[in-house]
Amino acid sequence: MDNFDPLVTHVQAICKNACWECAGALLRPHGEALGYMIRKGFPVQDVLAAAKNAGKELAKTGKISEQDMKTVSRELVPLNTFVEITNRGFKQALEKLTFPER
């Protein structure tokens, strides 16, 4: 989640300088895992429902609830597990590449 901090700070500053109210931020760390988990039937429907509800809230009230922001960004897998799986996938992809000889 802390990877989003500079972006969120930047958007909040833009809102402040333009005299706008920041509505909130839907942040989804390791989003590529979400698609996989949906396809494999993992219990992530709460994340999707919260994102949908956040859109409704934004349209009705101009803000997103803290609870929906928290649910959308909840941890799907521990960070170290995600990093291990991602690194393994990249390693396998790199091993399949062939490079021309120089």
C-alpha atoms as a PDB file:
ATOM      1  CA  MET A   1       0.000   0.000   0.000  1.00  0.00           C
ATOM      2  CA  ASP A   2       2.821   2.411   0.729  1.00  0.00           C
ATOM      3  CA  ASN A   3       3.714   2.409  -2.975  1.00  0.00           C
ATOM      4  CA  PHE A   4       0.567   4.489  -3.468  1.00  0.00           C
ATOM      5  CA  ASP A   5       1.559   7.145  -0.898  1.00  0.00           C
ATOM      6  CA  PRO A   6       3.259   9.556  -3.364  1.00  0.00           C
ATOM      7  CA  LEU A   7       0.303   9.346  -5.758  1.00  0.00           C
ATOM      8  CA  VAL A   8      -2.284   9.906  -3.039  1.00  0.00           C
ATOM      9  CA  THR A   9      -0.297  12.814  -1.591  1.00  0.00           C
ATOM     10  CA  HIS A  10      -0.019  14.367  -5.062  1.00  0.00           C
ATOM     11  CA  VAL A  11      -3.752  14.065  -5.751  1.00  0.00           C
ATOM     12  CA  GLN A  12      -4.591  15.457  -2.310  1.00  0.00           C
ATOM     13  CA  ALA A  13      -2.330  18.445  -3.000  1.00  0.00           C
ATOM     14  CA  ILE A  14      -4.014  19.058  -6.357  1.00  0.00           C
ATOM     15  CA  CYS A  15      -7.401  18.971  -4.649  1.00  0.00           C
ATOM     16  CA  LYS A  16      -6.254  21.350  -1.931  1.00  0.00           C
ATOM     17  CA  ASN A  17      -4.705  23.806  -4.395  1.00  0.00           C
ATOM     18  CA  ALA A  18      -7.812  23.772  -6.589  1.00  0.00           C
ATOM     19  CA  CYS A  19     -10.136  24.145  -3.568  1.00  0.00           C
ATOM     20  CA  TRP A  20     -11.681  20.748  -4.272  1.00  0.00           C
ATOM     21  CA  GLU A  21     -12.584  18.109  -1.739  1.00  0.00           C
ATOM     22  CA  CYS A  22     -10.772  14.815  -2.224  1.00  0.00           C
ATOM     23  CA  ALA A  23     -13.402  12.078  -2.491  1.00  0.00           C
ATOM     24  CA  GLY A  24     -11.109   9.252  -1.425  1.00  0.00           C
ATOM     25  CA  ALA A  25      -8.950   6.700  -3.168  1.00  0.00           C
ATOM     26  CA  LEU A  26      -9.709   3.153  -4.242  1.00  0.00           C
ATOM     27  CA  LEU A  27      -6.320   1.478  -4.089  1.00  0.00           C
ATOM     28  CA  ARG A  28      -5.845  -2.157  -5.082  1.00  0.00           C
ATOM     29  CA  PRO A  29      -2.359  -3.490  -4.331  1.00  0.00           C
ATOM     30  CA  HIS A  30      -1.235  -6.535  -6.310  1.00  0.00           C
ATOM     31  CA  GLY A  31      -4.250  -6.085  -8.564  1.00  0.00           C
ATOM     32  CA  GLU A  32      -3.102  -8.739 -11.018  1.00  0.00           C
ATOM     33  CA  ALA A  33      -3.655 -11.300  -8.261  1.00  0.00           C
ATOM     34  CA  LEU A  34      -7.289 -10.224  -7.989  1.00  0.00           C
ATOM     35  CA  GLY A  35      -8.113 -11.316 -11.546  1.00  0.00           C
ATOM     36  CA  TYR A  36      -6.498 -14.693 -10.954  1.00  0.00           C
ATOM     37  CA  MET A  37      -8.328 -15.136  -7.665  1.00  0.00           C
ATOM     38  CA  ILE A  38     -11.682 -14.285  -9.269  1.00  0.00           C
ATOM     39  CA  ARG A  39     -11.101 -16.876 -12.019  1.00  0.00           C
ATOM     40  CA  LYS A  40     -10.097 -19.526  -9.467  1.00  0.00           C
ATOM     41  CA  GLY A  41     -13.038 -18.869  -7.145  1.00  0.00           C
ATOM     42  CA  PHE A  42     -11.173 -17.388  -4.182  1.00  0.00           C
ATOM     43  CA  PRO A  43     -13.339 -15.407  -1.714  1.00  0.00           C
ATOM     44  CA  VAL A  44     -12.832 -11.896  -3.070  1.00  0.00           C
ATOM     45  CA  GLN A  45     -16.423 -10.890  -3.777  1.00  0.00           C
ATOM     46  CA  ASP A  46     -16.298  -8.442  -0.868  1.00  0.00           C
ATOM     47  CA  VAL A  47     -13.597  -6.475  -2.706  1.00  0.00           C
ATOM     48  CA  LEU A  48     -15.699  -6.297  -5.871  1.00  0.00           C
ATOM     49  CA  ALA A  49     -18.851  -5.384  -3.935  1.00  0.00           C
ATOM     50  CA  ALA A  50     -17.025  -2.623  -2.059  1.00  0.00           C
ATOM     51  CA  ALA A  51     -15.668  -1.183  -5.317  1.00  0.00           C
ATOM     52  CA  LYS A  52     -19.166  -1.167  -6.808  1.00  0.00           C
ATOM     53  CA  ASN A  53     -20.585   0.422  -3.677  1.00  0.00           C
ATOM     54  CA  ALA A  54     -17.829   3.047  -3.710  1.00  0.00           C
ATOM     55  CA  GLY A  55     -18.960   4.097  -7.179  1.00  0.00           C
ATOM     56  CA  LYS A  56     -22.519   4.463  -5.947  1.00  0.00           C
ATOM     57  CA  GLU A  57     -21.349   6.460  -2.905  1.00  0.00           C
ATOM     58  CA  LEU A  58     -19.247   8.727  -5.080  1.00  0.00           C
ATOM     59  CA  ALA A  59     -22.191   9.423  -7.390  1.00  0.00           C
ATOM     60  CA  LYS A  60     -24.627  10.039  -4.524  1.00  0.00           C
ATOM     61  CA  THR A  61     -22.502  11.824  -1.918  1.00  0.00           C
ATOM     62  CA  GLY A  62     -19.271  12.832  -3.643  1.00  0.00           C
ATOM     63  CA  LYS A  63     -17.237  10.746  -1.180  1.00  0.00           C
ATOM     64  CA  ILE A  64     -16.138   7.154  -0.685  1.00  0.00           C
ATOM     65  CA  SER A  65     -16.513   5.613   2.760  1.00  0.00           C
ATOM     66  CA  GLU A  66     -13.448   4.607   4.732  1.00  0.00           C
ATOM     67  CA  GLN A  67     -14.876   1.093   5.037  1.00  0.00           C
ATOM     68  CA  ASP A  68     -15.171   0.641   1.269  1.00  0.00           C
ATOM     69  CA  MET A  69     -11.669   2.029   0.702  1.00  0.00           C
ATOM     70  CA  LYS A  70     -10.355  -0.377   3.342  1.00  0.00           C
ATOM     71  CA  THR A  71     -12.181  -3.385   1.884  1.00  0.00           C
ATOM     72  CA  VAL A  72     -11.075  -2.657  -1.688  1.00  0.00           C
ATOM     73  CA  SER A  73      -7.452  -2.449  -0.583  1.00  0.00           C
ATOM     74  CA  ARG A  74      -7.477  -5.389   1.824  1.00  0.00           C
ATOM     75  CA  GLU A  75      -4.639  -7.864   1.643  1.00  0.00           C
ATOM     76  CA  LEU A  76      -5.405 -10.779  -0.667  1.00  0.00           C
ATOM     77  CA  VAL A  77      -2.206 -12.690   0.069  1.00  0.00           C
ATOM     78  CA  PRO A  78       0.711 -11.842   2.338  1.00  0.00           C
ATOM     79  CA  LEU A  79       3.165  -9.519   0.604  1.00  0.00           C
ATOM     80  CA  ASN A  80       6.080 -11.963   0.835  1.00  0.00           C
ATOM     81  CA  THR A  81       3.947 -14.695  -0.777  1.00  0.00           C
ATOM     82  CA  PHE A  82       2.921 -12.345  -3.581  1.00  0.00           C
ATOM     83  CA  VAL A  83       6.544 -11.335  -4.190  1.00  0.00           C
ATOM     84  CA  GLU A  84       7.685 -14.982  -4.248  1.00  0.00           C
ATOM     85  CA  ILE A  85       4.957 -15.995  -6.711  1.00  0.00           C
ATOM     86  CA  THR A  86       5.590 -12.974  -8.927  1.00  0.00           C
ATOM     87  CA  ASN A  87       9.351 -13.530  -8.958  1.00  0.00           C
ATOM     88  CA  ARG A  88       8.846 -17.207  -9.791  1.00  0.00           C
ATOM     89  CA  GLY A  89       6.595 -16.246 -12.709  1.00  0.00           C
ATOM     90  CA  PHE A  90       9.106 -13.726 -14.058  1.00  0.00           C
ATOM     91  CA  LYS A  91      11.937 -16.233 -13.693  1.00  0.00           C
ATOM     92  CA  GLN A  92       9.987 -18.840 -15.668  1.00  0.00           C
ATOM     93  CA  ALA A  93       9.168 -16.292 -18.371  1.00  0.00           C
ATOM     94  CA  LEU A  94      12.806 -15.206 -18.637  1.00  0.00           C
ATOM     95  CA  GLU A  95      13.989 -18.808 -18.882  1.00  0.00           C
ATOM     96  CA  LYS A  96      11.713 -19.313 -21.906  1.00  0.00           C
ATOM     97  CA  LEU A  97      13.242 -16.381 -23.771  1.00  0.00           C
ATOM     98  CA  THR A  98      15.908 -17.004 -26.348  1.00  0.00           C
ATOM     99  CA  PHE A  99      18.447 -14.359 -27.180  1.00  0.00           C
ATOM    100  CA  PRO A 100      20.412 -14.179 -30.415  1.00  0.00           C
ATOM    101  CA  GLU A 101      24.121 -14.754 -30.033  1.00  0.00           C
ATOM    102  CA  ARG A 102      26.409 -11.803 -30.593  1.00  0.00           C
END
